[in-house]
Amino acid sequence: MNSFELSQIKDQEDVILIDVRTKEEISSGYIKGHKSIFTEIMKGKNREININFNQELNKELIKFNISSDIKLIFICAAGKRSEIALNSFKNETNLECINYIDGVNGWLKMGFNLSKVL
């Protein structure tokens, strides 16, 4: 999925944005959607894969009233970590999983704004 496509669907009720960037990255701004979840795919100073990612994501998803037609859109800075997260999680769910290939950097290059964490 590219930036234009994301801009068209991000506020729909059947879409959940999964931002897998670090807390520090998210604090500088994020793509706001109707529903958003923030959970890191990489942790620690060596930026190793978070072995608890799937459990953490499932825990967050439980907070939403999820139907089978929900789309999960994975977001990071440039599309690489979101692809890792998607590949980690897609075998554990029947939900549609989509990688946002442009990432937050591409979102900004297209002239779209980020929301700030309050």
C-alpha atoms as a PDB file:
ATOM      1  CA  MET A   1       0.000   0.000   0.000  1.00  0.00           C
ATOM      2  CA  ASN A   2       1.307   3.461  -0.855  1.00  0.00           C
ATOM      3  CA  SER A   3       0.696   6.877   0.733  1.00  0.00           C
ATOM      4  CA  PHE A   4      -2.195   7.862  -1.512  1.00  0.00           C
ATOM      5  CA  GLU A   5      -3.988   4.563  -0.863  1.00  0.00           C
ATOM      6  CA  LEU A   6      -3.438   4.891   2.896  1.00  0.00           C
ATOM      7  CA  SER A   7      -4.774   8.465   2.899  1.00  0.00           C
ATOM      8  CA  GLN A   8      -8.007   7.166   1.347  1.00  0.00           C
ATOM      9  CA  ILE A   9      -8.743   4.438   3.916  1.00  0.00           C
ATOM     10  CA  LYS A  10      -6.922   5.284   7.182  1.00  0.00           C
ATOM     11  CA  ASP A  11     -10.030   6.756   8.833  1.00  0.00           C
ATOM     12  CA  GLN A  12     -12.369   3.889   7.968  1.00  0.00           C
ATOM     13  CA  GLU A  13     -13.836   1.889  10.843  1.00  0.00           C
ATOM     14  CA  ASP A  14     -12.557  -1.399   9.417  1.00  0.00           C
ATOM     15  CA  VAL A  15      -8.902  -0.259   9.414  1.00  0.00           C
ATOM     16  CA  ILE A  16      -6.419  -0.424  12.291  1.00  0.00           C
ATOM     17  CA  LEU A  17      -3.029   1.236  11.867  1.00  0.00           C
ATOM     18  CA  ILE A  18      -0.213  -0.680  13.585  1.00  0.00           C
ATOM     19  CA  ASP A  19       2.789   1.632  14.098  1.00  0.00           C
ATOM     20  CA  VAL A  20       5.836  -0.522  14.888  1.00  0.00           C
ATOM     21  CA  ARG A  21       8.386   2.295  15.281  1.00  0.00           C
ATOM     22  CA  THR A  22      10.141   3.098  18.536  1.00  0.00           C
ATOM     23  CA  LYS A  23       8.536   5.274  21.203  1.00  0.00           C
ATOM     24  CA  GLU A  24      11.060   7.988  20.370  1.00  0.00           C
ATOM     25  CA  GLU A  25      10.071   7.965  16.699  1.00  0.00           C
ATOM     26  CA  ILE A  26       6.370   8.002  17.516  1.00  0.00           C
ATOM     27  CA  SER A  27       6.852  10.951  19.883  1.00  0.00           C
ATOM     28  CA  SER A  28       7.893  13.060  16.883  1.00  0.00           C
ATOM     29  CA  GLY A  29       4.580  12.323  15.172  1.00  0.00           C
ATOM     30  CA  TYR A  30       2.433   9.521  13.784  1.00  0.00           C
ATOM     31  CA  ILE A  31      -0.131   8.862  11.076  1.00  0.00           C
ATOM     32  CA  LYS A  32      -3.525   9.226  12.736  1.00  0.00           C
ATOM     33  CA  GLY A  33      -6.214   6.759  11.792  1.00  0.00           C
ATOM     34  CA  HIS A  34      -9.665   5.848  13.069  1.00  0.00           C
ATOM     35  CA  LYS A  35      -7.944   3.210  15.244  1.00  0.00           C
ATOM     36  CA  SER A  36      -4.234   3.031  15.997  1.00  0.00           C
ATOM     37  CA  ILE A  37      -1.964   0.683  17.929  1.00  0.00           C
ATOM     38  CA  PHE A  38       1.647   1.421  18.860  1.00  0.00           C
ATOM     39  CA  THR A  39       3.913  -1.555  19.548  1.00  0.00           C
ATOM     40  CA  GLU A  40       7.617  -1.853  18.736  1.00  0.00           C
ATOM     41  CA  ILE A  41       8.916  -4.628  16.475  1.00  0.00           C
ATOM     42  CA  MET A  42      12.540  -3.869  17.421  1.00  0.00           C
ATOM     43  CA  LYS A  43      13.666  -3.322  21.004  1.00  0.00           C
ATOM     44  CA  GLY A  44      16.809  -2.643  22.970  1.00  0.00           C
ATOM     45  CA  LYS A  45      19.854  -0.631  22.080  1.00  0.00           C
ATOM     46  CA  ASN A  46      20.919  -3.326  19.606  1.00  0.00           C
ATOM     47  CA  ARG A  47      17.480  -3.081  17.945  1.00  0.00           C
ATOM     48  CA  GLU A  48      16.789  -6.792  18.090  1.00  0.00           C
ATOM     49  CA  ILE A  49      13.467  -8.237  17.023  1.00  0.00           C
ATOM     50  CA  ASN A  50      10.939  -8.065  19.858  1.00  0.00           C
ATOM     51  CA  ILE A  51      10.179 -11.748  20.539  1.00  0.00           C
ATOM     52  CA  ASN A  52       6.976 -10.711  22.341  1.00  0.00           C
ATOM     53  CA  PHE A  53       5.649  -8.647  19.415  1.00  0.00           C
ATOM     54  CA  ASN A  54       2.810 -11.002  18.452  1.00  0.00           C
ATOM     55  CA  GLN A  55       1.645 -11.336  22.061  1.00  0.00           C
ATOM     56  CA  GLU A  56       1.792  -7.563  22.582  1.00  0.00           C
ATOM     57  CA  LEU A  57      -0.138  -6.923  19.367  1.00  0.00           C
ATOM     58  CA  ASN A  58      -2.800  -9.509  20.230  1.00  0.00           C
ATOM     59  CA  LYS A  59      -3.194  -7.904  23.664  1.00  0.00           C
ATOM     60  CA  GLU A  60      -3.789  -4.501  22.021  1.00  0.00           C
ATOM     61  CA  LEU A  61      -6.170  -5.919  19.401  1.00  0.00           C
ATOM     62  CA  ILE A  62      -8.371  -7.405  22.131  1.00  0.00           C
ATOM     63  CA  LYS A  63      -9.179  -3.842  23.222  1.00  0.00           C
ATOM     64  CA  PHE A  64     -11.054  -3.297  19.941  1.00  0.00           C
ATOM     65  CA  ASN A  65     -14.285  -4.976  18.926  1.00  0.00           C
ATOM     66  CA  ILE A  66     -12.781  -6.755  15.946  1.00  0.00           C
ATOM     67  CA  SER A  67     -14.723  -8.365  13.128  1.00  0.00           C
ATOM     68  CA  SER A  68     -13.232 -10.632  10.481  1.00  0.00           C
ATOM     69  CA  ASP A  69     -13.255  -7.883   7.840  1.00  0.00           C
ATOM     70  CA  ILE A  70     -10.756  -5.676   9.696  1.00  0.00           C
ATOM     71  CA  LYS A  71      -7.613  -4.639   7.827  1.00  0.00           C
ATOM     72  CA  LEU A  72      -4.367  -4.286   9.770  1.00  0.00           C
ATOM     73  CA  ILE A  73      -1.974  -1.827   8.166  1.00  0.00           C
ATOM     74  CA  PHE A  74       1.607  -2.058   9.431  1.00  0.00           C
ATOM     75  CA  ILE A  75       3.582   1.214   9.497  1.00  0.00           C
ATOM     76  CA  CYS A  76       7.210   2.132  10.216  1.00  0.00           C
ATOM     77  CA  ALA A  77       9.588   4.833   8.999  1.00  0.00           C
ATOM     78  CA  ALA A  78      10.438   3.386   5.582  1.00  0.00           C
ATOM     79  CA  GLY A  79       8.569   0.080   5.121  1.00  0.00           C
ATOM     80  CA  LYS A  80      11.205  -2.424   6.282  1.00  0.00           C
ATOM     81  CA  ARG A  81      10.270  -2.964   9.952  1.00  0.00           C
ATOM     82  CA  SER A  82       6.583  -2.975   9.056  1.00  0.00           C
ATOM     83  CA  GLU A  83       7.271  -5.796   6.606  1.00  0.00           C
ATOM     84  CA  ILE A  84       9.066  -7.760   9.338  1.00  0.00           C
ATOM     85  CA  ALA A  85       6.130  -7.175  11.698  1.00  0.00           C
ATOM     86  CA  LEU A  86       3.571  -8.186   9.077  1.00  0.00           C
ATOM     87  CA  ASN A  87       5.469 -11.381   8.255  1.00  0.00           C
ATOM     88  CA  SER A  88       5.728 -12.182  11.960  1.00  0.00           C
ATOM     89  CA  PHE A  89       2.017 -11.684  12.636  1.00  0.00           C
ATOM     90  CA  LYS A  90       0.171 -12.744   9.467  1.00  0.00           C
ATOM     91  CA  ASN A  91       0.338 -16.470  10.226  1.00  0.00           C
ATOM     92  CA  GLU A  92      -1.362 -15.904  13.595  1.00  0.00           C
ATOM     93  CA  THR A  93      -4.467 -14.187  12.279  1.00  0.00           C
ATOM     94  CA  ASN A  94      -7.283 -14.464   9.764  1.00  0.00           C
ATOM     95  CA  LEU A  95      -7.331 -10.680   9.411  1.00  0.00           C
ATOM     96  CA  GLU A  96      -6.049  -8.960   6.291  1.00  0.00           C
ATOM     97  CA  CYS A  97      -2.502  -7.692   6.904  1.00  0.00           C
ATOM     98  CA  ILE A  98      -1.085  -4.957   4.680  1.00  0.00           C
ATOM     99  CA  ASN A  99       2.382  -3.393   4.633  1.00  0.00           C
ATOM    100  CA  TYR A 100       2.481   0.377   4.147  1.00  0.00           C
ATOM    101  CA  ILE A 101       5.555   0.443   1.904  1.00  0.00           C
ATOM    102  CA  ASP A 102       6.204   4.209   1.893  1.00  0.00           C
ATOM    103  CA  GLY A 103       6.448   4.523   5.662  1.00  0.00           C
ATOM    104  CA  VAL A 104       6.180   7.726   7.640  1.00  0.00           C
ATOM    105  CA  ASN A 105       9.058   9.213   5.632  1.00  0.00           C
ATOM    106  CA  GLY A 106       7.089   8.701   2.404  1.00  0.00           C
ATOM    107  CA  TRP A 107       3.958  10.103   4.044  1.00  0.00           C
ATOM    108  CA  LEU A 108       5.803  13.329   4.798  1.00  0.00           C
ATOM    109  CA  LYS A 109       7.348  13.491   1.299  1.00  0.00           C
ATOM    110  CA  MET A 110       3.833  13.346  -0.155  1.00  0.00           C
ATOM    111  CA  GLY A 111       2.941  16.421   1.894  1.00  0.00           C
ATOM    112  CA  PHE A 112       0.711  14.702   4.440  1.00  0.00           C
ATOM    113  CA  ASN A 113       0.844  15.745   8.100  1.00  0.00           C
ATOM    114  CA  LEU A 114       1.634  13.767  11.232  1.00  0.00           C
ATOM    115  CA  SER A 115      -0.312  13.975  14.475  1.00  0.00           C
ATOM    116  CA  LYS A 116       1.562  14.703  17.657  1.00  0.00           C
ATOM    117  CA  VAL A 117       1.334  12.616  20.802  1.00  0.00           C
ATOM    118  CA  LEU A 118      -0.238  14.665  23.577  1.00  0.00           C
END
